[in-house]
């Protein structure tokens, strides 16, 4: 989830610029990886693709990811309405 959010952060960083913020001032957490967002994402997904999971492990990984998304969504709803 955190890795995927870096792709969306590119759009947020552009919007932050309208507020006078940038990767060096307050919006550092939205900056891309030094090697670039695309290469960083491809390297990350390639590493995931190399992991050999049996069916049970894959189901557990999917369930954990779903739980993480639901938790973040619930937190956002609670805090942002």
N, C-alpha and C. Protein backbone atom coordinates (compact mmCIF):
# COMPACT_ATOMS: atom_id res chain seq x y z
N UNK A 1 0.83 -1.17 0.00
CA UNK A 1 0.00 0.00 0.00
C UNK A 1 0.88 1.25 0.00
N UNK A 2 1.88 1.24 0.82
CA UNK A 2 2.76 2.41 0.89
C UNK A 2 3.49 2.63 -0.43
N UNK A 3 3.92 1.56 -1.06
CA UNK A 3 4.63 1.70 -2.33
C UNK A 3 3.70 2.25 -3.41
N UNK A 4 2.49 1.76 -3.47
CA UNK A 4 1.55 2.25 -4.47
C UNK A 4 1.21 3.71 -4.24
N UNK A 5 1.18 4.13 -3.00
CA UNK A 5 0.82 5.53 -2.71
C UNK A 5 1.86 6.50 -3.24
N UNK A 6 3.07 6.04 -3.49
CA UNK A 6 4.08 6.95 -4.03
C UNK A 6 3.73 7.38 -5.45
N UNK A 7 2.99 6.55 -6.16
CA UNK A 7 2.58 6.94 -7.51
C UNK A 7 1.58 8.09 -7.46
N UNK A 8 0.62 8.00 -6.57
CA UNK A 8 -0.36 9.07 -6.40
C UNK A 8 0.25 10.33 -5.81
N UNK A 9 1.33 10.17 -5.09
CA UNK A 9 1.97 11.33 -4.46
C UNK A 9 2.47 12.32 -5.50
N UNK A 10 2.74 11.86 -6.70
CA UNK A 10 3.19 12.78 -7.76
C UNK A 10 2.14 13.84 -8.03
N UNK A 11 0.88 13.43 -8.04
CA UNK A 11 -0.22 14.38 -8.26
C UNK A 11 -0.37 15.32 -7.07
N UNK A 12 -0.23 14.76 -5.87
CA UNK A 12 -0.35 15.59 -4.67
C UNK A 12 0.77 16.62 -4.59
N UNK A 13 1.98 16.23 -5.02
CA UNK A 13 3.11 17.15 -4.99
C UNK A 13 2.85 18.34 -5.92
N UNK A 14 2.24 18.07 -7.07
CA UNK A 14 1.89 19.17 -7.99
C UNK A 14 0.89 20.11 -7.34
N UNK A 15 -0.10 19.55 -6.66
CA UNK A 15 -1.09 20.39 -5.97
C UNK A 15 -0.45 21.16 -4.81
N UNK A 16 0.48 20.52 -4.12
CA UNK A 16 1.15 21.18 -3.00
C UNK A 16 1.93 22.41 -3.48
N UNK A 17 2.41 22.36 -4.70
CA UNK A 17 3.15 23.50 -5.24
C UNK A 17 2.28 24.75 -5.29
N UNK A 18 0.97 24.55 -5.47
CA UNK A 18 0.05 25.69 -5.47
C UNK A 18 -0.02 26.38 -4.11
N UNK A 19 0.40 25.64 -3.08
CA UNK A 19 0.41 26.19 -1.72
C UNK A 19 1.80 26.69 -1.32
N UNK A 20 2.74 26.64 -2.27
CA UNK A 20 4.10 27.08 -1.97
C UNK A 20 4.95 25.99 -1.34
N UNK A 21 4.47 24.77 -1.38
CA UNK A 21 5.22 23.64 -0.81
C UNK A 21 5.94 22.89 -1.91
N UNK A 22 7.04 22.22 -1.56
CA UNK A 22 7.77 21.42 -2.54
C UNK A 22 8.53 20.31 -1.82
N UNK A 23 9.28 19.54 -2.60
CA UNK A 23 10.00 18.39 -2.03
C UNK A 23 11.07 18.80 -1.02
N UNK A 24 11.45 20.07 -1.05
CA UNK A 24 12.45 20.56 -0.10
C UNK A 24 11.84 21.34 1.06
N UNK A 25 10.55 21.64 0.95
CA UNK A 25 9.89 22.45 1.97
C UNK A 25 8.51 21.86 2.29
N UNK A 26 8.40 21.18 3.40
CA UNK A 26 7.18 20.64 3.99
C UNK A 26 6.64 19.40 3.26
N UNK A 27 6.77 19.30 1.95
CA UNK A 27 6.19 18.19 1.20
C UNK A 27 7.22 17.13 0.81
N UNK A 28 8.27 17.02 1.58
CA UNK A 28 9.35 16.06 1.28
C UNK A 28 8.81 14.64 1.15
N UNK A 29 7.82 14.28 1.95
CA UNK A 29 7.27 12.93 1.94
C UNK A 29 6.55 12.60 0.64
N UNK A 30 6.27 13.59 -0.19
CA UNK A 30 5.61 13.35 -1.48
C UNK A 30 6.59 13.20 -2.63
N UNK A 31 7.86 13.46 -2.37
CA UNK A 31 8.88 13.39 -3.42
C UNK A 31 9.08 11.95 -3.86
N UNK A 32 9.43 11.78 -5.12
CA UNK A 32 9.69 10.45 -5.66
C UNK A 32 11.05 9.93 -5.23
N UNK A 33 11.25 8.65 -5.51
CA UNK A 33 12.54 8.02 -5.23
C UNK A 33 13.61 8.65 -6.12
N UNK A 34 14.87 8.69 -5.66
CA UNK A 34 15.93 9.30 -6.46
C UNK A 34 16.06 8.70 -7.86
N UNK A 35 15.79 7.40 -7.99
CA UNK A 35 15.91 6.75 -9.30
C UNK A 35 14.67 6.96 -10.17
N UNK A 36 13.68 7.63 -9.63
CA UNK A 36 12.44 7.89 -10.37
C UNK A 36 11.32 6.98 -9.92
N UNK A 37 10.10 7.49 -9.97
CA UNK A 37 8.95 6.71 -9.50
C UNK A 37 8.74 5.44 -10.31
N UNK A 38 8.85 5.55 -11.63
CA UNK A 38 8.60 4.40 -12.49
C UNK A 38 9.56 3.26 -12.25
N UNK A 39 10.85 3.56 -12.24
CA UNK A 39 11.85 2.51 -12.01
C UNK A 39 11.70 1.93 -10.61
N UNK A 40 11.44 2.78 -9.64
CA UNK A 40 11.27 2.30 -8.26
C UNK A 40 10.09 1.34 -8.19
N UNK A 41 8.97 1.70 -8.84
CA UNK A 41 7.77 0.85 -8.83
C UNK A 41 8.05 -0.48 -9.54
N UNK A 42 8.70 -0.43 -10.68
CA UNK A 42 9.00 -1.67 -11.42
C UNK A 42 9.94 -2.58 -10.64
N UNK A 43 10.92 -2.00 -9.96
CA UNK A 43 11.83 -2.79 -9.13
C UNK A 43 11.07 -3.45 -7.98
N UNK A 44 10.18 -2.69 -7.35
CA UNK A 44 9.38 -3.21 -6.24
C UNK A 44 8.48 -4.36 -6.71
N UNK A 45 7.75 -4.15 -7.81
CA UNK A 45 6.84 -5.20 -8.28
C UNK A 45 7.60 -6.43 -8.78
N UNK A 46 8.78 -6.23 -9.36
CA UNK A 46 9.59 -7.37 -9.78
C UNK A 46 10.01 -8.21 -8.57
N UNK A 47 10.38 -7.53 -7.49
CA UNK A 47 10.76 -8.25 -6.26
C UNK A 47 9.57 -9.04 -5.72
N UNK A 48 8.38 -8.45 -5.76
CA UNK A 48 7.18 -9.18 -5.32
C UNK A 48 6.91 -10.39 -6.20
N UNK A 49 7.07 -10.21 -7.50
CA UNK A 49 6.81 -11.31 -8.44
C UNK A 49 7.75 -12.49 -8.23
N UNK A 50 8.93 -12.24 -7.67
CA UNK A 50 9.91 -13.29 -7.45
C UNK A 50 9.61 -14.14 -6.22
N UNK A 51 8.72 -13.69 -5.36
CA UNK A 51 8.40 -14.44 -4.14
C UNK A 51 7.48 -15.60 -4.48
N UNK A 52 7.92 -16.78 -4.13
CA UNK A 52 7.11 -17.98 -4.39
C UNK A 52 6.22 -18.25 -3.18
N UNK A 53 4.92 -18.12 -3.37
CA UNK A 53 3.96 -18.37 -2.30
C UNK A 53 3.09 -19.55 -2.67
N UNK A 54 2.80 -20.38 -1.68
CA UNK A 54 1.82 -21.42 -1.95
C UNK A 54 0.43 -20.78 -1.85
N UNK A 55 -0.61 -21.55 -2.13
CA UNK A 55 -1.96 -20.99 -2.18
C UNK A 55 -2.37 -20.38 -0.84
N UNK A 56 -2.07 -21.06 0.26
CA UNK A 56 -2.44 -20.54 1.58
C UNK A 56 -1.70 -19.24 1.88
N UNK A 57 -0.42 -19.17 1.57
CA UNK A 57 0.36 -17.96 1.82
C UNK A 57 -0.17 -16.79 0.98
N UNK A 58 -0.53 -17.09 -0.27
CA UNK A 58 -1.06 -16.03 -1.13
C UNK A 58 -2.40 -15.51 -0.58
N UNK A 59 -3.24 -16.41 -0.13
CA UNK A 59 -4.52 -16.01 0.45
C UNK A 59 -4.30 -15.15 1.69
N UNK A 60 -3.33 -15.51 2.52
CA UNK A 60 -3.03 -14.73 3.71
C UNK A 60 -2.50 -13.35 3.35
N UNK A 61 -1.67 -13.28 2.31
CA UNK A 61 -1.12 -11.99 1.88
C UNK A 61 -2.24 -11.09 1.34
N UNK A 62 -3.14 -11.66 0.56
CA UNK A 62 -4.26 -10.88 0.03
C UNK A 62 -5.16 -10.40 1.16
N UNK A 63 -5.44 -11.28 2.12
CA UNK A 63 -6.28 -10.90 3.27
C UNK A 63 -5.62 -9.79 4.08
N UNK A 64 -4.32 -9.89 4.28
CA UNK A 64 -3.61 -8.85 5.04
C UNK A 64 -3.65 -7.51 4.31
N UNK A 65 -3.48 -7.53 3.00
CA UNK A 65 -3.54 -6.29 2.23
C UNK A 65 -4.94 -5.69 2.30
N UNK A 66 -5.96 -6.53 2.19
CA UNK A 66 -7.34 -6.05 2.30
C UNK A 66 -7.60 -5.46 3.67
N UNK A 67 -7.11 -6.11 4.71
CA UNK A 67 -7.27 -5.58 6.07
C UNK A 67 -6.59 -4.22 6.21
N UNK A 68 -5.41 -4.08 5.61
CA UNK A 68 -4.68 -2.81 5.69
C UNK A 68 -5.46 -1.70 4.99
N UNK A 69 -5.98 -1.98 3.81
CA UNK A 69 -6.76 -0.97 3.09
C UNK A 69 -8.01 -0.58 3.88
N UNK A 70 -8.70 -1.57 4.44
CA UNK A 70 -9.90 -1.28 5.22
C UNK A 70 -9.56 -0.42 6.45
N UNK A 71 -8.45 -0.73 7.10
CA UNK A 71 -8.04 0.04 8.29
C UNK A 71 -7.74 1.49 7.92
N UNK A 72 -7.02 1.71 6.84
CA UNK A 72 -6.69 3.07 6.42
C UNK A 72 -7.97 3.80 6.02
N UNK A 73 -8.85 3.12 5.31
CA UNK A 73 -10.12 3.74 4.91
C UNK A 73 -10.94 4.13 6.13
N UNK A 74 -11.04 3.24 7.10
CA UNK A 74 -11.80 3.53 8.31
C UNK A 74 -11.20 4.72 9.05
N UNK A 75 -9.90 4.77 9.11
CA UNK A 75 -9.23 5.89 9.78
C UNK A 75 -9.53 7.20 9.05
N UNK A 76 -9.44 7.17 7.73
CA UNK A 76 -9.73 8.38 6.94
C UNK A 76 -11.17 8.83 7.14
N UNK A 77 -12.10 7.90 7.13
CA UNK A 77 -13.51 8.24 7.34
C UNK A 77 -13.70 8.84 8.73
N UNK A 78 -13.06 8.24 9.72
CA UNK A 78 -13.18 8.73 11.10
C UNK A 78 -12.63 10.15 11.23
N UNK A 79 -11.49 10.39 10.62
CA UNK A 79 -10.82 11.69 10.78
C UNK A 79 -11.34 12.76 9.82
N UNK A 80 -11.75 12.34 8.64
CA UNK A 80 -12.13 13.32 7.61
C UNK A 80 -13.63 13.39 7.37
N UNK A 81 -14.32 12.40 7.90
CA UNK A 81 -15.79 12.40 7.75
C UNK A 81 -16.31 11.83 6.52
